[in-house]
């Protein structure tokens, strides 16, 4: 029996998203015949950072989601965090790949994605001690 079905769902979805972002880097490197670095190619540099940014945040976010699930945070709150996390990371990735002429969308999307990710990180972190003190386990 899976005792962590919610975290498992979001880990699977975000793992597939990570796989998509990760394969984009070597495909672009192969196209440019670049073995290391970004060869001063803006698109390759962006692909590297989008994947890197996800890998920097995702482990801690999934760990916090897992800890919240294991300590009894309600399913509704976990799903809100999970869906918001997927949305934030999608907005962040898509906005960074927007056409360079669309600077407003790039900046706005990046800000929304980054701030949303940060708020989810803080929210999940604060929920752990709050849950243990007042018991926010209502589903």
N, C-alpha and C. Protein backbone atom coordinates (compact mmCIF):
# COMPACT_ATOMS: atom_id res chain seq x y z
N UNK A 1 0.84 -1.19 0.00
CA UNK A 1 0.00 0.00 0.00
C UNK A 1 0.88 1.25 0.00
N UNK A 2 0.55 2.19 -0.88
CA UNK A 2 1.31 3.43 -0.97
C UNK A 2 0.80 4.41 0.09
N UNK A 3 1.66 4.72 1.05
CA UNK A 3 1.26 5.63 2.12
C UNK A 3 1.53 7.08 1.76
N UNK A 4 2.12 7.31 0.60
CA UNK A 4 2.39 8.69 0.17
C UNK A 4 1.90 8.90 -1.27
N UNK A 5 0.62 8.69 -1.52
CA UNK A 5 0.12 8.77 -2.90
C UNK A 5 0.19 10.16 -3.51
N UNK A 6 0.05 11.19 -2.72
CA UNK A 6 0.03 12.54 -3.27
C UNK A 6 1.44 12.96 -3.71
N UNK A 7 2.40 12.79 -2.83
CA UNK A 7 3.78 13.13 -3.19
C UNK A 7 4.24 12.29 -4.38
N UNK A 8 3.84 11.02 -4.40
CA UNK A 8 4.21 10.14 -5.50
C UNK A 8 3.69 10.68 -6.83
N UNK A 9 2.44 11.15 -6.84
CA UNK A 9 1.86 11.71 -8.06
C UNK A 9 2.67 12.89 -8.58
N UNK A 10 2.96 13.83 -7.69
CA UNK A 10 3.67 15.04 -8.12
C UNK A 10 5.13 14.76 -8.44
N UNK A 11 5.74 13.83 -7.75
CA UNK A 11 7.12 13.45 -8.08
C UNK A 11 7.17 12.86 -9.49
N UNK A 12 6.18 12.04 -9.83
CA UNK A 12 6.14 11.43 -11.17
C UNK A 12 5.95 12.50 -12.25
N UNK A 13 5.00 13.39 -12.05
CA UNK A 13 4.74 14.44 -13.04
C UNK A 13 5.95 15.34 -13.19
N UNK A 14 6.51 15.78 -12.07
CA UNK A 14 7.67 16.68 -12.13
C UNK A 14 8.92 15.96 -12.62
N UNK A 15 9.02 14.66 -12.36
CA UNK A 15 10.13 13.88 -12.91
C UNK A 15 10.08 13.83 -14.43
N UNK A 16 8.89 13.66 -14.98
CA UNK A 16 8.74 13.67 -16.44
C UNK A 16 9.04 15.06 -17.01
N UNK A 17 8.60 16.08 -16.31
CA UNK A 17 8.91 17.45 -16.73
C UNK A 17 10.42 17.68 -16.72
N UNK A 18 11.09 17.18 -15.68
CA UNK A 18 12.54 17.29 -15.61
C UNK A 18 13.21 16.54 -16.77
N UNK A 19 12.67 15.37 -17.11
CA UNK A 19 13.23 14.59 -18.22
C UNK A 19 13.13 15.38 -19.53
N UNK A 20 12.00 16.04 -19.75
CA UNK A 20 11.84 16.86 -20.96
C UNK A 20 12.86 17.99 -20.98
N UNK A 21 12.98 18.70 -19.86
CA UNK A 21 13.93 19.80 -19.81
C UNK A 21 15.37 19.32 -19.94
N UNK A 22 15.67 18.15 -19.38
CA UNK A 22 17.05 17.67 -19.43
C UNK A 22 17.47 17.23 -20.82
N UNK A 23 16.57 16.61 -21.57
CA UNK A 23 16.95 16.13 -22.90
C UNK A 23 17.14 17.28 -23.88
N UNK A 24 16.53 18.39 -23.59
CA UNK A 24 16.68 19.56 -24.48
C UNK A 24 18.12 20.09 -24.51
N UNK A 25 18.86 19.89 -23.43
CA UNK A 25 20.24 20.38 -23.37
C UNK A 25 21.16 19.60 -24.31
N UNK A 26 21.26 18.27 -24.18
CA UNK A 26 22.16 17.54 -25.08
C UNK A 26 21.70 17.57 -26.54
N UNK A 27 20.39 17.67 -26.78
CA UNK A 27 19.93 17.78 -28.17
C UNK A 27 20.45 19.06 -28.82
N UNK A 28 20.39 20.15 -28.08
CA UNK A 28 20.90 21.43 -28.60
C UNK A 28 22.42 21.39 -28.72
N UNK A 29 23.10 20.77 -27.74
CA UNK A 29 24.56 20.64 -27.84
C UNK A 29 24.95 19.84 -29.08
N UNK A 30 24.22 18.77 -29.35
CA UNK A 30 24.52 17.95 -30.53
C UNK A 30 24.30 18.76 -31.81
N UNK A 31 23.23 19.53 -31.85
CA UNK A 31 22.93 20.36 -33.03
C UNK A 31 24.03 21.39 -33.27
N UNK A 32 24.57 21.94 -32.18
CA UNK A 32 25.63 22.96 -32.29
C UNK A 32 27.03 22.37 -32.32
N UNK A 33 27.13 21.05 -32.10
CA UNK A 33 28.41 20.36 -31.98
C UNK A 33 29.25 20.96 -30.84
N UNK A 34 28.61 21.07 -29.67
CA UNK A 34 29.24 21.61 -28.47
C UNK A 34 29.32 20.50 -27.44
N UNK A 35 30.52 20.21 -26.98
CA UNK A 35 30.69 19.15 -26.00
C UNK A 35 30.54 19.65 -24.56
N UNK A 36 30.89 20.90 -24.31
CA UNK A 36 30.91 21.42 -22.94
C UNK A 36 30.51 22.89 -22.96
N UNK A 37 29.82 23.31 -21.94
CA UNK A 37 29.46 24.72 -21.84
C UNK A 37 28.33 25.07 -22.79
N UNK A 38 28.22 26.37 -23.09
CA UNK A 38 27.12 26.82 -23.94
C UNK A 38 27.58 27.46 -25.25
N UNK A 39 28.89 27.53 -25.47
CA UNK A 39 29.45 28.09 -26.72
C UNK A 39 28.87 29.47 -27.02
N UNK A 40 28.54 30.23 -25.99
CA UNK A 40 27.95 31.57 -26.14
C UNK A 40 26.66 31.57 -26.95
N UNK A 41 25.97 30.44 -26.96
CA UNK A 41 24.68 30.34 -27.63
C UNK A 41 23.58 30.65 -26.61
N UNK A 42 22.79 31.69 -26.86
CA UNK A 42 21.78 32.13 -25.89
C UNK A 42 20.74 31.06 -25.62
N UNK A 43 20.30 30.35 -26.66
CA UNK A 43 19.28 29.32 -26.46
C UNK A 43 19.82 28.16 -25.62
N UNK A 44 21.04 27.73 -25.90
CA UNK A 44 21.64 26.65 -25.11
C UNK A 44 21.84 27.09 -23.67
N UNK A 45 22.29 28.30 -23.48
CA UNK A 45 22.48 28.84 -22.13
C UNK A 45 21.15 28.86 -21.37
N UNK A 46 20.09 29.26 -22.03
CA UNK A 46 18.77 29.29 -21.41
C UNK A 46 18.31 27.89 -21.04
N UNK A 47 18.50 26.92 -21.96
CA UNK A 47 18.11 25.54 -21.68
C UNK A 47 18.86 24.99 -20.46
N UNK A 48 20.14 25.30 -20.38
CA UNK A 48 20.95 24.85 -19.25
C UNK A 48 20.42 25.43 -17.94
N UNK A 49 20.11 26.73 -17.94
CA UNK A 49 19.64 27.38 -16.71
C UNK A 49 18.24 26.94 -16.32
N UNK A 50 17.36 26.74 -17.29
CA UNK A 50 16.00 26.29 -16.97
C UNK A 50 16.05 24.93 -16.30
N UNK A 51 16.84 24.02 -16.86
CA UNK A 51 17.00 22.70 -16.25
C UNK A 51 17.70 22.81 -14.90
N UNK A 52 18.76 23.60 -14.85
CA UNK A 52 19.51 23.77 -13.60
C UNK A 52 18.66 24.35 -12.49
N UNK A 53 17.84 25.33 -12.83
CA UNK A 53 16.99 25.95 -11.82
C UNK A 53 16.00 24.95 -11.25
N UNK A 54 15.43 24.12 -12.12
CA UNK A 54 14.50 23.09 -11.63
C UNK A 54 15.23 22.11 -10.71
N UNK A 55 16.42 21.69 -11.09
CA UNK A 55 17.14 20.71 -10.27
C UNK A 55 17.60 21.31 -8.95
N UNK A 56 17.73 22.62 -8.89
CA UNK A 56 18.12 23.27 -7.63
C UNK A 56 16.96 23.32 -6.63
N UNK A 57 15.75 23.49 -7.12
CA UNK A 57 14.59 23.64 -6.24
C UNK A 57 13.80 22.36 -6.01
N UNK A 58 13.69 21.52 -7.03
CA UNK A 58 12.78 20.39 -6.95
C UNK A 58 13.06 19.41 -5.82
N UNK A 59 14.30 19.02 -5.55
CA UNK A 59 14.51 18.05 -4.46
C UNK A 59 13.97 18.54 -3.11
N UNK A 60 14.25 19.77 -2.75
CA UNK A 60 13.78 20.28 -1.46
C UNK A 60 12.26 20.42 -1.46
N UNK A 61 11.68 20.87 -2.56
CA UNK A 61 10.23 21.01 -2.62
C UNK A 61 9.53 19.66 -2.48
N UNK A 62 10.04 18.65 -3.17
CA UNK A 62 9.43 17.32 -3.05
C UNK A 62 9.64 16.74 -1.65
N UNK A 63 10.79 17.00 -1.05
CA UNK A 63 11.03 16.54 0.32
C UNK A 63 10.05 17.21 1.28
N UNK A 64 9.83 18.49 1.12
CA UNK A 64 8.88 19.20 1.98
C UNK A 64 7.45 18.70 1.75
N UNK A 65 7.10 18.44 0.50
CA UNK A 65 5.78 17.88 0.21
C UNK A 65 5.63 16.51 0.89
N UNK A 66 6.66 15.69 0.77
CA UNK A 66 6.66 14.37 1.41
C UNK A 66 6.52 14.48 2.93
N UNK A 67 7.33 15.34 3.54
CA UNK A 67 7.26 15.50 4.99
C UNK A 67 5.88 15.98 5.42
N UNK A 68 5.29 16.89 4.66
CA UNK A 68 3.94 17.35 4.98
C UNK A 68 2.94 16.23 4.86
N UNK A 69 3.08 15.41 3.83
CA UNK A 69 2.14 14.29 3.68
C UNK A 69 2.29 13.29 4.83
N UNK A 70 3.53 13.00 5.20
CA UNK A 70 3.77 12.03 6.27
C UNK A 70 3.34 12.54 7.64
N UNK A 71 3.34 13.85 7.83
CA UNK A 71 2.95 14.39 9.13
C UNK A 71 1.48 14.77 9.20
N UNK A 72 0.72 14.44 8.15
CA UNK A 72 -0.72 14.60 8.24
C UNK A 72 -1.32 15.86 7.67
N UNK A 73 -0.57 16.63 6.92
CA UNK A 73 -1.17 17.80 6.26
C UNK A 73 -2.27 17.29 5.34
N UNK A 74 -3.38 17.97 5.32
CA UNK A 74 -4.55 17.54 4.55
C UNK A 74 -4.28 17.42 3.06
N UNK A 75 -4.99 16.50 2.44
CA UNK A 75 -4.83 16.23 1.01
C UNK A 75 -5.10 17.47 0.16
N UNK A 76 -6.10 18.25 0.53
CA UNK A 76 -6.41 19.46 -0.25
C UNK A 76 -5.21 20.39 -0.30
N UNK A 77 -4.59 20.61 0.86
CA UNK A 77 -3.42 21.50 0.92
C UNK A 77 -2.25 20.94 0.11
N UNK A 78 -2.06 19.65 0.18
CA UNK A 78 -0.97 19.01 -0.58
C UNK A 78 -1.21 19.15 -2.08
N UNK A 79 -2.44 18.96 -2.51
CA UNK A 79 -2.76 19.10 -3.94
C UNK A 79 -2.63 20.56 -4.39
N UNK A 80 -3.05 21.48 -3.55
CA UNK A 80 -2.88 22.90 -3.88
C UNK A 80 -1.40 23.20 -4.09
N UNK A 81 -0.56 22.73 -3.18
CA UNK A 81 0.88 22.96 -3.31
C UNK A 81 1.45 22.27 -4.55
N UNK A 82 1.03 21.04 -4.80
CA UNK A 82 1.53 20.29 -5.95
C UNK A 82 1.15 20.92 -7.27
N UNK A 83 -0.12 21.28 -7.42
CA UNK A 83 -0.58 21.91 -8.66
C UNK A 83 0.09 23.27 -8.84
N UNK A 84 0.19 24.03 -7.76
CA UNK A 84 0.84 25.34 -7.83
C UNK A 84 2.31 25.18 -8.23
N UNK A 85 2.96 24.17 -7.71
CA UNK A 85 4.36 23.92 -8.05
C UNK A 85 4.52 23.59 -9.54
N UNK A 86 3.67 22.72 -10.04
CA UNK A 86 3.74 22.40 -11.47
C UNK A 86 3.50 23.66 -12.30
N UNK A 87 2.49 24.43 -11.94
CA UNK A 87 2.21 25.67 -12.66
C UNK A 87 3.36 26.66 -12.61
N UNK A 88 3.93 26.82 -11.44
CA UNK A 88 5.04 27.77 -11.28
C UNK A 88 6.24 27.38 -12.13
N UNK A 89 6.57 26.09 -12.11
CA UNK A 89 7.73 25.64 -12.88
C UNK A 89 7.47 25.70 -14.38
N UNK A 90 6.24 25.42 -14.81
CA UNK A 90 5.90 25.53 -16.23
C UNK A 90 5.98 26.98 -16.70
N UNK A 91 5.39 27.88 -15.92
CA UNK A 91 5.44 29.30 -16.28
C UNK A 91 6.88 29.78 -16.36
N UNK A 92 7.69 29.38 -15.39
CA UNK A 92 9.09 29.78 -15.37
C UNK A 92 9.81 29.29 -16.62
N UNK A 93 9.67 28.02 -16.95
CA UNK A 93 10.36 27.43 -18.10
C UNK A 93 9.88 28.04 -19.41
N UNK A 94 8.58 28.16 -19.58
CA UNK A 94 8.02 28.67 -20.83
C UNK A 94 8.40 30.13 -21.03
N UNK A 95 8.33 30.92 -19.97
CA UNK A 95 8.63 32.35 -20.11
C UNK A 95 10.09 32.59 -20.47
N UNK A 96 10.99 31.76 -19.97
CA UNK A 96 12.40 31.95 -20.31
C UNK A 96 12.70 31.57 -21.75
N UNK A 97 11.83 30.75 -22.35
CA UNK A 97 12.03 30.38 -23.75
C UNK A 97 11.22 31.26 -24.71
N UNK A 98 10.56 32.29 -24.17
CA UNK A 98 9.80 33.19 -25.03
C UNK A 98 10.75 33.93 -25.96
N UNK A 99 10.21 34.38 -27.04
CA UNK A 99 11.01 35.13 -28.02
C UNK A 99 11.69 36.31 -27.32
N UNK A 100 12.90 36.60 -27.72
CA UNK A 100 13.65 37.68 -27.07
C UNK A 100 12.96 39.02 -27.23
N UNK A 101 12.15 39.18 -28.28
CA UNK A 101 11.43 40.44 -28.47
C UNK A 101 10.31 40.62 -27.47
N UNK A 102 9.87 39.56 -26.85
CA UNK A 102 8.78 39.62 -25.89
C UNK A 102 9.34 39.70 -24.46
N UNK A 103 10.06 40.77 -24.20
CA UNK A 103 10.75 40.94 -22.92
C UNK A 103 9.78 41.04 -21.74
N UNK A 104 8.62 41.65 -21.96
CA UNK A 104 7.65 41.79 -20.86
C UNK A 104 7.19 40.41 -20.38
N UNK A 105 6.85 39.49 -21.30
CA UNK A 105 6.42 38.15 -20.91
C UNK A 105 7.57 37.41 -20.24
N UNK A 106 8.79 37.56 -20.78
CA UNK A 106 9.93 36.87 -20.17
C UNK A 106 10.12 37.31 -18.73
N UNK A 107 10.06 38.59 -18.50
CA UNK A 107 10.26 39.11 -17.13
C UNK A 107 9.09 38.76 -16.22
N UNK A 108 7.88 38.95 -16.72
CA UNK A 108 6.69 38.69 -15.90
C UNK A 108 6.58 37.21 -15.58
N UNK A 109 6.71 36.36 -16.58
CA UNK A 109 6.62 34.92 -16.37
C UNK A 109 7.70 34.40 -15.44
N UNK A 110 8.90 34.91 -15.64
CA UNK A 110 10.01 34.50 -14.77
C UNK A 110 9.74 34.92 -13.33
N UNK A 111 9.25 36.15 -13.14
CA UNK A 111 8.96 36.64 -11.80
C UNK A 111 7.83 35.83 -11.15
N UNK A 112 6.78 35.55 -11.92
CA UNK A 112 5.66 34.77 -11.38
C UNK A 112 6.14 33.36 -11.01
N UNK A 113 6.87 32.73 -11.91
CA UNK A 113 7.38 31.38 -11.65
C UNK A 113 8.31 31.32 -10.44
N UNK A 114 9.22 32.27 -10.37
CA UNK A 114 10.19 32.29 -9.27
C UNK A 114 9.52 32.61 -7.93
N UNK A 115 8.68 33.63 -7.91
CA UNK A 115 8.01 34.01 -6.66
C UNK A 115 7.04 32.93 -6.20
N UNK A 116 6.34 32.32 -7.13
CA UNK A 116 5.43 31.24 -6.77
C UNK A 116 6.19 30.07 -6.16
N UNK A 117 7.31 29.72 -6.78
CA UNK A 117 8.14 28.63 -6.26
C UNK A 117 8.62 28.96 -4.86
N UNK A 118 9.06 30.18 -4.67
CA UNK A 118 9.54 30.62 -3.36
C UNK A 118 8.42 30.56 -2.32
N UNK A 119 7.23 31.03 -2.69
CA UNK A 119 6.10 31.01 -1.76
C UNK A 119 5.70 29.58 -1.40
N UNK A 120 5.75 28.67 -2.36
CA UNK A 120 5.44 27.26 -2.09
C UNK A 120 6.49 26.69 -1.14
N UNK A 121 7.75 27.01 -1.38
CA UNK A 121 8.84 26.56 -0.52
C UNK A 121 8.62 27.03 0.92
N UNK A 122 8.33 28.30 1.08
CA UNK A 122 8.09 28.86 2.41
C UNK A 122 6.82 28.27 3.03
N UNK A 123 5.77 28.16 2.24
CA UNK A 123 4.50 27.62 2.75
C UNK A 123 4.64 26.20 3.25
N UNK A 124 5.30 25.35 2.45
CA UNK A 124 5.49 23.97 2.87
C UNK A 124 6.40 23.88 4.10
N UNK A 125 7.38 24.77 4.18
CA UNK A 125 8.29 24.79 5.32
C UNK A 125 7.58 25.21 6.60
N UNK A 126 6.76 26.24 6.50
CA UNK A 126 6.03 26.75 7.67
C UNK A 126 4.95 25.76 8.09
N UNK A 127 4.36 25.05 7.12
CA UNK A 127 3.28 24.12 7.44
C UNK A 127 3.74 22.98 8.35
N UNK A 128 4.99 22.59 8.25
CA UNK A 128 5.47 21.46 9.07
C UNK A 128 5.37 21.73 10.57
N UNK A 129 5.99 22.78 11.08
CA UNK A 129 5.84 23.01 12.53
C UNK A 129 4.42 23.42 12.92
N UNK A 130 3.74 24.16 12.04
CA UNK A 130 2.36 24.55 12.34
C UNK A 130 1.48 23.32 12.44
N UNK A 131 1.66 22.38 11.53
CA UNK A 131 0.88 21.14 11.55
C UNK A 131 1.11 20.37 12.84
N UNK A 132 2.34 20.35 13.30
CA UNK A 132 2.62 19.59 14.53
C UNK A 132 2.08 20.30 15.76
N UNK A 133 1.92 21.63 15.69
CA UNK A 133 1.42 22.39 16.84
C UNK A 133 -0.11 22.38 16.88
N UNK A 134 -0.74 22.72 15.74
CA UNK A 134 -2.21 22.87 15.77
C UNK A 134 -2.92 21.77 15.00
N UNK A 135 -2.19 20.96 14.27
CA UNK A 135 -2.80 19.83 13.56
C UNK A 135 -3.71 20.20 12.42
N UNK A 136 -3.12 20.70 11.32
CA UNK A 136 -3.93 21.08 10.14
C UNK A 136 -4.12 19.87 9.24
N UNK A 137 -4.75 18.85 9.76
CA UNK A 137 -4.87 17.61 9.02
C UNK A 137 -6.24 17.43 8.35
N UNK A 138 -7.04 18.47 8.32
CA UNK A 138 -8.33 18.35 7.65
C UNK A 138 -8.12 18.16 6.16
N UNK A 139 -8.73 17.14 5.59
CA UNK A 139 -8.60 16.86 4.17
C UNK A 139 -9.57 17.69 3.41
